Amino acid sequence: MNNNKLIALINKAIPEAQAVCISQWDNSEEGSGIWFKGSEEYTKEGQHVFSYYAEGDMMHPKIERLLAKYDYYVSPYDTGTVMAYK
């Protein structure tokens, strides 16, 4: 699974996540990670996309499952900014 295809799957499942290539965050190499621009948003179910202070999984469960399925891991930059890398 390439980065752009996973981004499309995430945004289809949870549009509020606003997942984009990390190059939009730091001008890094295209395809090297995912930035969740909507990390502090709430989904239509009322859950956070990302919660730094959550016990257990910090990411929304649907996103967490997609990331795990394609061997990506979550890497918080700070309490309101989160990335995912392979």
PDB file of N, CA and C in Angstrom:
ATOM      1  N   MET A   1       0.861  -1.182   0.000  1.00  0.00           N
ATOM      2  CA  MET A   1       0.000   0.000   0.000  1.00  0.00           C
ATOM      3  C   MET A   1       0.899   1.233   0.000  1.00  0.00           C
ATOM      4  N   ASN A   2       0.701   2.090  -0.994  1.00  0.00           N
ATOM      5  CA  ASN A   2       1.491   3.311  -0.976  1.00  0.00           C
ATOM      6  C   ASN A   2       0.803   4.381  -0.126  1.00  0.00           C
ATOM      7  N   ASN A   3       1.551   5.387   0.207  1.00  0.00           N
ATOM      8  CA  ASN A   3       1.093   6.443   1.102  1.00  0.00           C
ATOM      9  C   ASN A   3      -0.200   7.093   0.614  1.00  0.00           C
ATOM     10  N   ASN A   4      -0.262   7.448  -0.672  1.00  0.00           N
ATOM     11  CA  ASN A   4      -1.422   8.153  -1.201  1.00  0.00           C
ATOM     12  C   ASN A   4      -2.684   7.304  -1.169  1.00  0.00           C
ATOM     13  N   LYS A   5      -2.545   6.009  -1.405  1.00  0.00           N
ATOM     14  CA  LYS A   5      -3.714   5.127  -1.339  1.00  0.00           C
ATOM     15  C   LYS A   5      -4.222   5.009   0.090  1.00  0.00           C
ATOM     16  N   LEU A   6      -3.303   4.918   1.050  1.00  0.00           N
ATOM     17  CA  LEU A   6      -3.720   4.848   2.450  1.00  0.00           C
ATOM     18  C   LEU A   6      -4.379   6.160   2.880  1.00  0.00           C
ATOM     19  N   ILE A   7      -3.831   7.274   2.456  1.00  0.00           N
ATOM     20  CA  ILE A   7      -4.432   8.576   2.762  1.00  0.00           C
ATOM     21  C   ILE A   7      -5.870   8.609   2.240  1.00  0.00           C
ATOM     22  N   ALA A   8      -6.085   8.127   1.025  1.00  0.00           N
ATOM     23  CA  ALA A   8      -7.437   8.105   0.452  1.00  0.00           C
ATOM     24  C   ALA A   8      -8.371   7.223   1.275  1.00  0.00           C
ATOM     25  N   LEU A   9      -7.889   6.063   1.715  1.00  0.00           N
ATOM     26  CA  LEU A   9      -8.712   5.171   2.550  1.00  0.00           C
ATOM     27  C   LEU A   9      -9.072   5.832   3.883  1.00  0.00           C
ATOM     28  N   ILE A  10      -8.095   6.477   4.500  1.00  0.00           N
ATOM     29  CA  ILE A  10      -8.342   7.156   5.781  1.00  0.00           C
ATOM     30  C   ILE A  10      -9.370   8.258   5.600  1.00  0.00           C
ATOM     31  N   ASN A  11      -9.193   9.085   4.576  1.00  0.00           N
ATOM     32  CA  ASN A  11     -10.113  10.200   4.361  1.00  0.00           C
ATOM     33  C   ASN A  11     -11.509   9.748   3.964  1.00  0.00           C
ATOM     34  N   LYS A  12     -11.614   8.583   3.342  1.00  0.00           N
ATOM     35  CA  LYS A  12     -12.935   8.021   3.035  1.00  0.00           C
ATOM     36  C   LYS A  12     -13.613   7.546   4.319  1.00  0.00           C
ATOM     37  N   ALA A  13     -12.849   6.890   5.192  1.00  0.00           N
ATOM     38  CA  ALA A  13     -13.402   6.365   6.449  1.00  0.00           C
ATOM     39  C   ALA A  13     -13.717   7.473   7.446  1.00  0.00           C
ATOM     40  N   ILE A  14     -12.802   8.430   7.581  1.00  0.00           N
ATOM     41  CA  ILE A  14     -12.944   9.527   8.550  1.00  0.00           C
ATOM     42  C   ILE A  14     -12.520  10.830   7.856  1.00  0.00           C
ATOM     43  N   PRO A  15     -13.404  11.468   7.118  1.00  0.00           N
ATOM     44  CA  PRO A  15     -13.025  12.686   6.391  1.00  0.00           C
ATOM     45  C   PRO A  15     -12.506  13.802   7.296  1.00  0.00           C
ATOM     46  N   GLU A  16     -12.975  13.831   8.531  1.00  0.00           N
ATOM     47  CA  GLU A  16     -12.549  14.865   9.473  1.00  0.00           C
ATOM     48  C   GLU A  16     -11.052  14.792   9.778  1.00  0.00           C
ATOM     49  N   ALA A  17     -10.430  13.644   9.532  1.00  0.00           N
ATOM     50  CA  ALA A  17      -9.001  13.484   9.809  1.00  0.00           C
ATOM     51  C   ALA A  17      -8.155  14.374   8.906  1.00  0.00           C
ATOM     52  N   GLN A  18      -8.656  14.664   7.711  1.00  0.00           N
ATOM     53  CA  GLN A  18      -7.935  15.497   6.752  1.00  0.00           C
ATOM     54  C   GLN A  18      -6.488  15.012   6.574  1.00  0.00           C
ATOM     55  N   ALA A  19      -6.346  13.713   6.358  1.00  0.00           N
ATOM     56  CA  ALA A  19      -5.015  13.128   6.181  1.00  0.00           C
ATOM     57  C   ALA A  19      -4.399  13.609   4.870  1.00  0.00           C
ATOM     58  N   VAL A  20      -3.134  13.997   4.936  1.00  0.00           N
ATOM     59  CA  VAL A  20      -2.379  14.451   3.763  1.00  0.00           C
ATOM     60  C   VAL A  20      -0.946  13.933   3.877  1.00  0.00           C
ATOM     61  N   CYS A  21      -0.226  14.000   2.783  1.00  0.00           N
ATOM     62  CA  CYS A  21       1.182  13.626   2.810  1.00  0.00           C
ATOM     63  C   CYS A  21       1.932  14.579   3.747  1.00  0.00           C
ATOM     64  N   ILE A  22       2.853  14.042   4.496  1.00  0.00           N
ATOM     65  CA  ILE A  22       3.592  14.835   5.481  1.00  0.00           C
ATOM     66  C   ILE A  22       4.386  15.973   4.842  1.00  0.00           C
ATOM     67  N   SER A  23       4.627  15.881   3.545  1.00  0.00           N
ATOM     68  CA  SER A  23       5.359  16.962   2.872  1.00  0.00           C
ATOM     69  C   SER A  23       4.618  18.293   2.975  1.00  0.00           C
ATOM     70  N   GLN A  24       3.303  18.260   3.198  1.00  0.00           N
ATOM     71  CA  GLN A  24       2.543  19.499   3.412  1.00  0.00           C
ATOM     72  C   GLN A  24       2.854  20.124   4.770  1.00  0.00           C
ATOM     73  N   TRP A  25       3.390  19.335   5.681  1.00  0.00           N
ATOM     74  CA  TRP A  25       3.759  19.818   7.017  1.00  0.00           C
ATOM     75  C   TRP A  25       5.184  20.360   7.031  1.00  0.00           C
ATOM     76  N   ASP A  26       6.110  19.579   6.473  1.00  0.00           N
ATOM     77  CA  ASP A  26       7.521  19.924   6.655  1.00  0.00           C
ATOM     78  C   ASP A  26       8.356  19.953   5.372  1.00  0.00           C
ATOM     79  N   ASN A  27       7.689  19.929   4.224  1.00  0.00           N
ATOM     80  CA  ASN A  27       8.396  19.929   2.939  1.00  0.00           C
ATOM     81  C   ASN A  27       9.355  18.751   2.778  1.00  0.00           C
ATOM     82  N   SER A  28       9.069  17.654   3.477  1.00  0.00           N
ATOM     83  CA  SER A  28       9.918  16.458   3.365  1.00  0.00           C
ATOM     84  C   SER A  28       9.621  15.733   2.061  1.00  0.00           C
ATOM     85  N   GLU A  29      10.320  14.649   1.854  1.00  0.00           N
ATOM     86  CA  GLU A  29      10.138  13.845   0.653  1.00  0.00           C
ATOM     87  C   GLU A  29       8.702  13.339   0.561  1.00  0.00           C
ATOM     88  N   GLU A  30       8.132  13.471  -0.614  1.00  0.00           N
ATOM     89  CA  GLU A  30       6.770  12.981  -0.861  1.00  0.00           C
ATOM     90  C   GLU A  30       6.681  11.494  -0.522  1.00  0.00           C
ATOM     91  N   GLY A  31       5.657  11.111   0.204  1.00  0.00           N
ATOM     92  CA  GLY A  31       5.430   9.707   0.489  1.00  0.00           C
ATOM     93  C   GLY A  31       6.108   9.170   1.731  1.00  0.00           C
ATOM     94  N   SER A  32       6.738  10.020   2.531  1.00  0.00           N
ATOM     95  CA  SER A  32       7.477   9.514   3.683  1.00  0.00           C
ATOM     96  C   SER A  32       6.647   9.423   4.962  1.00  0.00           C
ATOM     97  N   GLY A  33       5.412   9.885   4.938  1.00  0.00           N
ATOM     98  CA  GLY A  33       4.576   9.815   6.115  1.00  0.00           C
ATOM     99  C   GLY A  33       3.237  10.491   5.871  1.00  0.00           C
ATOM    100  N   ILE A  34       2.393  10.476   6.893  1.00  0.00           N
ATOM    101  CA  ILE A  34       1.057  11.059   6.820  1.00  0.00           C
ATOM    102  C   ILE A  34       0.901  12.072   7.944  1.00  0.00           C
ATOM    103  N   TRP A  35       0.362  13.225   7.621  1.00  0.00           N
ATOM    104  CA  TRP A  35       0.027  14.250   8.618  1.00  0.00           C
ATOM    105  C   TRP A  35      -1.488  14.324   8.693  1.00  0.00           C
ATOM    106  N   PHE A  36      -2.013  14.315   9.897  1.00  0.00           N
ATOM    107  CA  PHE A  36      -3.450  14.424  10.122  1.00  0.00           C
ATOM    108  C   PHE A  36      -3.779  15.876  10.443  1.00  0.00           C
ATOM    109  N   LYS A  37      -4.126  16.640   9.406  1.00  0.00           N
ATOM    110  CA  LYS A  37      -4.425  18.062   9.578  1.00  0.00           C
ATOM    111  C   LYS A  37      -5.626  18.268  10.500  1.00  0.00           C
ATOM    112  N   GLY A  38      -6.531  17.316  10.515  1.00  0.00           N
ATOM    113  CA  GLY A  38      -7.735  17.417  11.343  1.00  0.00           C
ATOM    114  C   GLY A  38      -7.624  16.669  12.656  1.00  0.00           C
ATOM    115  N   SER A  39      -6.418  16.545  13.175  1.00  0.00           N
ATOM    116  CA  SER A  39      -6.207  15.719  14.369  1.00  0.00           C
ATOM    117  C   SER A  39      -7.016  16.164  15.579  1.00  0.00           C
ATOM    118  N   GLU A  40      -7.374  17.422  15.651  1.00  0.00           N
ATOM    119  CA  GLU A  40      -8.133  17.898  16.812  1.00  0.00           C
ATOM    120  C   GLU A  40      -9.631  17.992  16.552  1.00  0.00           C
ATOM    121  N   GLU A  41     -10.063  17.513  15.396  1.00  0.00           N
ATOM    122  CA  GLU A  41     -11.483  17.552  15.034  1.00  0.00           C
ATOM    123  C   GLU A  41     -12.238  16.400  15.679  1.00  0.00           C
ATOM    124  N   TYR A  42     -13.547  16.562  15.737  1.00  0.00           N
ATOM    125  CA  TYR A  42     -14.448  15.491  16.173  1.00  0.00           C
ATOM    126  C   TYR A  42     -15.069  14.840  14.948  1.00  0.00           C
ATOM    127  N   THR A  43     -15.259  13.535  15.014  1.00  0.00           N
ATOM    128  CA  THR A  43     -15.940  12.824  13.938  1.00  0.00           C
ATOM    129  C   THR A  43     -17.442  13.000  14.106  1.00  0.00           C
ATOM    130  N   LYS A  44     -18.204  12.552  13.114  1.00  0.00           N
ATOM    131  CA  LYS A  44     -19.661  12.664  13.213  1.00  0.00           C
ATOM    132  C   LYS A  44     -20.218  11.821  14.362  1.00  0.00           C
ATOM    133  N   GLU A  45     -19.429  10.831  14.830  1.00  0.00           N
ATOM    134  CA  GLU A  45     -19.844  10.022  15.992  1.00  0.00           C
ATOM    135  C   GLU A  45     -19.525  10.714  17.316  1.00  0.00           C
ATOM    136  N   GLY A  46     -18.859  11.864  17.239  1.00  0.00           N
ATOM    137  CA  GLY A  46     -18.519  12.600  18.448  1.00  0.00           C
ATOM    138  C   GLY A  46     -17.188  12.212  19.072  1.00  0.00           C
ATOM    139  N   GLN A  47     -16.382  11.417  18.365  1.00  0.00           N
ATOM    140  CA  GLN A  47     -15.067  11.019  18.872  1.00  0.00           C
ATOM    141  C   GLN A  47     -13.992  11.928  18.288  1.00  0.00           C
ATOM    142  N   HIS A  48     -12.922  12.101  19.046  1.00  0.00           N
ATOM    143  CA  HIS A  48     -11.769  12.816  18.504  1.00  0.00           C
ATOM    144  C   HIS A  48     -11.105  11.976  17.424  1.00  0.00           C
ATOM    145  N   VAL A  49     -10.532  12.650  16.429  1.00  0.00           N
ATOM    146  CA  VAL A  49      -9.676  11.959  15.465  1.00  0.00           C
ATOM    147  C   VAL A  49      -8.434  11.468  16.197  1.00  0.00           C
ATOM    148  N   PHE A  50      -7.878  12.328  17.064  1.00  0.00           N
ATOM    149  CA  PHE A  50      -6.677  12.018  17.842  1.00  0.00           C
ATOM    150  C   PHE A  50      -6.821  12.640  19.219  1.00  0.00           C
ATOM    151  N   SER A  51      -6.485  11.897  20.236  1.00  0.00           N
ATOM    152  CA  SER A  51      -6.512  12.426  21.602  1.00  0.00           C
ATOM    153  C   SER A  51      -5.226  12.013  22.310  1.00  0.00           C
ATOM    154  N   TYR A  52      -4.359  12.973  22.507  1.00  0.00           N
ATOM    155  CA  TYR A  52      -3.069  12.722  23.143  1.00  0.00           C
ATOM    156  C   TYR A  52      -3.231  12.126  24.539  1.00  0.00           C
ATOM    157  N   TYR A  53      -4.274  12.547  25.230  1.00  0.00           N
ATOM    158  CA  TYR A  53      -4.465  12.136  26.625  1.00  0.00           C
ATOM    159  C   TYR A  53      -5.336  10.895  26.788  1.00  0.00           C
ATOM    160  N   ALA A  54      -5.709  10.265  25.695  1.00  0.00           N
ATOM    161  CA  ALA A  54      -6.550   9.070  25.772  1.00  0.00           C
ATOM    162  C   ALA A  54      -5.792   7.914  26.402  1.00  0.00           C
ATOM    163  N   GLU A  55      -6.529   7.106  27.125  1.00  0.00           N
ATOM    164  CA  GLU A  55      -5.941   5.867  27.630  1.00  0.00           C
ATOM    165  C   GLU A  55      -6.082   4.829  26.532  1.00  0.00           C
ATOM    166  N   GLY A  56      -5.022   4.132  26.228  1.00  0.00           N
ATOM    167  CA  GLY A  56      -5.052   3.165  25.132  1.00  0.00           C
ATOM    168  C   GLY A  56      -4.738   3.847  23.815  1.00  0.00           C
ATOM    169  N   ASP A  57      -5.484   3.488  22.781  1.00  0.00           N
ATOM    170  CA  ASP A  57      -5.241   4.048  21.452  1.00  0.00           C
ATOM    171  C   ASP A  57      -5.565   5.532  21.409  1.00  0.00           C
ATOM    172  N   MET A  58      -4.640   6.314  20.870  1.00  0.00           N
ATOM    173  CA  MET A  58      -4.837   7.762  20.770  1.00  0.00           C
ATOM    174  C   MET A  58      -5.615   8.137  19.514  1.00  0.00           C
ATOM    175  N   MET A  59      -5.556   7.296  18.491  1.00  0.00           N
ATOM    176  CA  MET A  59      -6.237   7.576  17.230  1.00  0.00           C
ATOM    177  C   MET A  59      -7.642   6.996  17.238  1.00  0.00           C
ATOM    178  N   HIS A  60      -8.501   7.559  16.426  1.00  0.00           N
ATOM    179  CA  HIS A  60      -9.842   7.007  16.228  1.00  0.00           C
ATOM    180  C   HIS A  60      -9.681   5.529  15.843  1.00  0.00           C
ATOM    181  N   PRO A  61     -10.530   4.652  16.355  1.00  0.00           N
ATOM    182  CA  PRO A  61     -10.363   3.212  16.104  1.00  0.00           C
ATOM    183  C   PRO A  61     -10.321   2.827  14.624  1.00  0.00           C
ATOM    184  N   LYS A  62     -11.104   3.472  13.782  1.00  0.00           N
ATOM    185  CA  LYS A  62     -11.083   3.147  12.347  1.00  0.00           C
ATOM    186  C   LYS A  62      -9.725   3.491  11.740  1.00  0.00           C
ATOM    187  N   ILE A  63      -9.176   4.619  12.133  1.00  0.00           N
ATOM    188  CA  ILE A  63      -7.860   5.018  11.625  1.00  0.00           C
ATOM    189  C   ILE A  63      -6.791   4.079  12.171  1.00  0.00           C
ATOM    190  N   GLU A  64      -6.890   3.762  13.440  1.00  0.00           N
ATOM    191  CA  GLU A  64      -5.928   2.859  14.076  1.00  0.00           C
ATOM    192  C   GLU A  64      -5.891   1.513  13.352  1.00  0.00           C
ATOM    193  N   ARG A  65      -7.059   0.988  12.999  1.00  0.00           N
ATOM    194  CA  ARG A  65      -7.122  -0.305  12.292  1.00  0.00           C
ATOM    195  C   ARG A  65      -6.480  -0.215  10.909  1.00  0.00           C
ATOM    196  N   LEU A  66      -6.763   0.867  10.183  1.00  0.00           N
ATOM    197  CA  LEU A  66      -6.156   1.035   8.863  1.00  0.00           C
ATOM    198  C   LEU A  66      -4.634   1.148   8.957  1.00  0.00           C
ATOM    199  N   LEU A  67      -4.166   1.932   9.909  1.00  0.00           N
ATOM    200  CA  LEU A  67      -2.718   2.090  10.073  1.00  0.00           C
ATOM    201  C   LEU A  67      -2.058   0.759  10.410  1.00  0.00           C
ATOM    202  N   ALA A  68      -2.662   0.023  11.333  1.00  0.00           N
ATOM    203  CA  ALA A  68      -2.095  -1.270  11.737  1.00  0.00           C
ATOM    204  C   ALA A  68      -2.110  -2.266  10.575  1.00  0.00           C
ATOM    205  N   LYS A  69      -3.182  -2.263   9.807  1.00  0.00           N
ATOM    206  CA  LYS A  69      -3.303  -3.195   8.679  1.00  0.00           C
ATOM    207  C   LYS A  69      -2.166  -3.013   7.684  1.00  0.00           C
ATOM    208  N   TYR A  70      -1.711  -1.772   7.504  1.00  0.00           N
ATOM    209  CA  TYR A  70      -0.662  -1.486   6.523  1.00  0.00           C
ATOM    210  C   TYR A  70       0.682  -1.168   7.175  1.00  0.00           C
ATOM    211  N   ASP A  71       0.838  -1.580   8.425  1.00  0.00           N
ATOM    212  CA  ASP A  71       2.108  -1.478   9.156  1.00  0.00           C
ATOM    213  C   ASP A  71       2.611  -0.048   9.336  1.00  0.00           C
ATOM    214  N   TYR A  72       1.702   0.867   9.588  1.00  0.00           N
ATOM    215  CA  TYR A  72       2.075   2.238   9.935  1.00  0.00           C
ATOM    216  C   TYR A  72       1.955   2.397  11.446  1.00  0.00           C
ATOM    217  N   TYR A  73       2.703   3.328  11.995  1.00  0.00           N
ATOM    218  CA  TYR A  73       2.603   3.606  13.425  1.00  0.00           C
ATOM    219  C   TYR A  73       2.340   5.096  13.632  1.00  0.00           C
ATOM    220  N   VAL A  74       1.707   5.411  14.734  1.00  0.00           N
ATOM    221  CA  VAL A  74       1.359   6.789  15.096  1.00  0.00           C
ATOM    222  C   VAL A  74       2.532   7.432  15.813  1.00  0.00           C
ATOM    223  N   SER A  75       2.807   8.675  15.468  1.00  0.00           N
ATOM    224  CA  SER A  75       3.897   9.415  16.108  1.00  0.00           C
ATOM    225  C   SER A  75       3.434  10.845  16.404  1.00  0.00           C
ATOM    226  N   PRO A  76       2.984  11.103  17.646  1.00  0.00           N
ATOM    227  CA  PRO A  76       2.566  12.466  17.984  1.00  0.00           C
ATOM    228  C   PRO A  76       3.750  13.429  17.923  1.00  0.00           C
ATOM    229  N   TYR A  77       3.536  14.577  17.317  1.00  0.00           N
ATOM    230  CA  TYR A  77       4.539  15.646  17.289  1.00  0.00           C
ATOM    231  C   TYR A  77       4.411  16.480  18.561  1.00  0.00           C
ATOM    232  N   ASP A  78       3.173  16.757  18.928  1.00  0.00           N
ATOM    233  CA  ASP A  78       2.852  17.423  20.190  1.00  0.00           C
ATOM    234  C   ASP A  78       1.423  17.021  20.541  1.00  0.00           C
ATOM    235  N   THR A  79       0.818  17.674  21.508  1.00  0.00           N
ATOM    236  CA  THR A  79      -0.506  17.240  21.972  1.00  0.00           C
ATOM    237  C   THR A  79      -1.616  17.441  20.949  1.00  0.00           C
ATOM    238  N   GLY A  80      -1.389  18.224  19.921  1.00  0.00           N
ATOM    239  CA  GLY A  80      -2.428  18.480  18.927  1.00  0.00           C
ATOM    240  C   GLY A  80      -2.023  18.152  17.504  1.00  0.00           C
ATOM    241  N   THR A  81      -0.848  17.587  17.326  1.00  0.00           N
ATOM    242  CA  THR A  81      -0.341  17.298  15.986  1.00  0.00           C
ATOM    243  C   THR A  81       0.119  15.847  15.952  1.00  0.00           C
ATOM    244  N   VAL A  82      -0.335  15.130  14.941  1.00  0.00           N
ATOM    245  CA  VAL A  82       0.029  13.710  14.871  1.00  0.00           C
ATOM    246  C   VAL A  82       0.378  13.316  13.439  1.00  0.00           C
ATOM    247  N   MET A  83       1.348  12.437  13.346  1.00  0.00           N
ATOM    248  CA  MET A  83       1.817  11.895  12.082  1.00  0.00           C
ATOM    249  C   MET A  83       1.711  10.370  12.148  1.00  0.00           C
ATOM    250  N   ALA A  84       1.832   9.745  10.990  1.00  0.00           N
ATOM    251  CA  ALA A  84       1.938   8.283  10.917  1.00  0.00           C
ATOM    252  C   ALA A  84       3.025   7.943   9.914  1.00  0.00           C
ATOM    253  N   TYR A  85       3.792   6.926  10.244  1.00  0.00           N
ATOM    254  CA  TYR A  85       4.926   6.504   9.415  1.00  0.00           C
ATOM    255  C   TYR A  85       4.890   5.000   9.246  1.00  0.00           C
ATOM    256  N   LYS A  86       5.508   4.528   8.183  1.00  0.00           N
ATOM    257  CA  LYS A  86       5.630   3.092   7.946  1.00  0.00           C
ATOM    258  C   LYS A  86       6.912   2.594   8.571  1.00  0.00           C
TER     259      LYS A  86
END
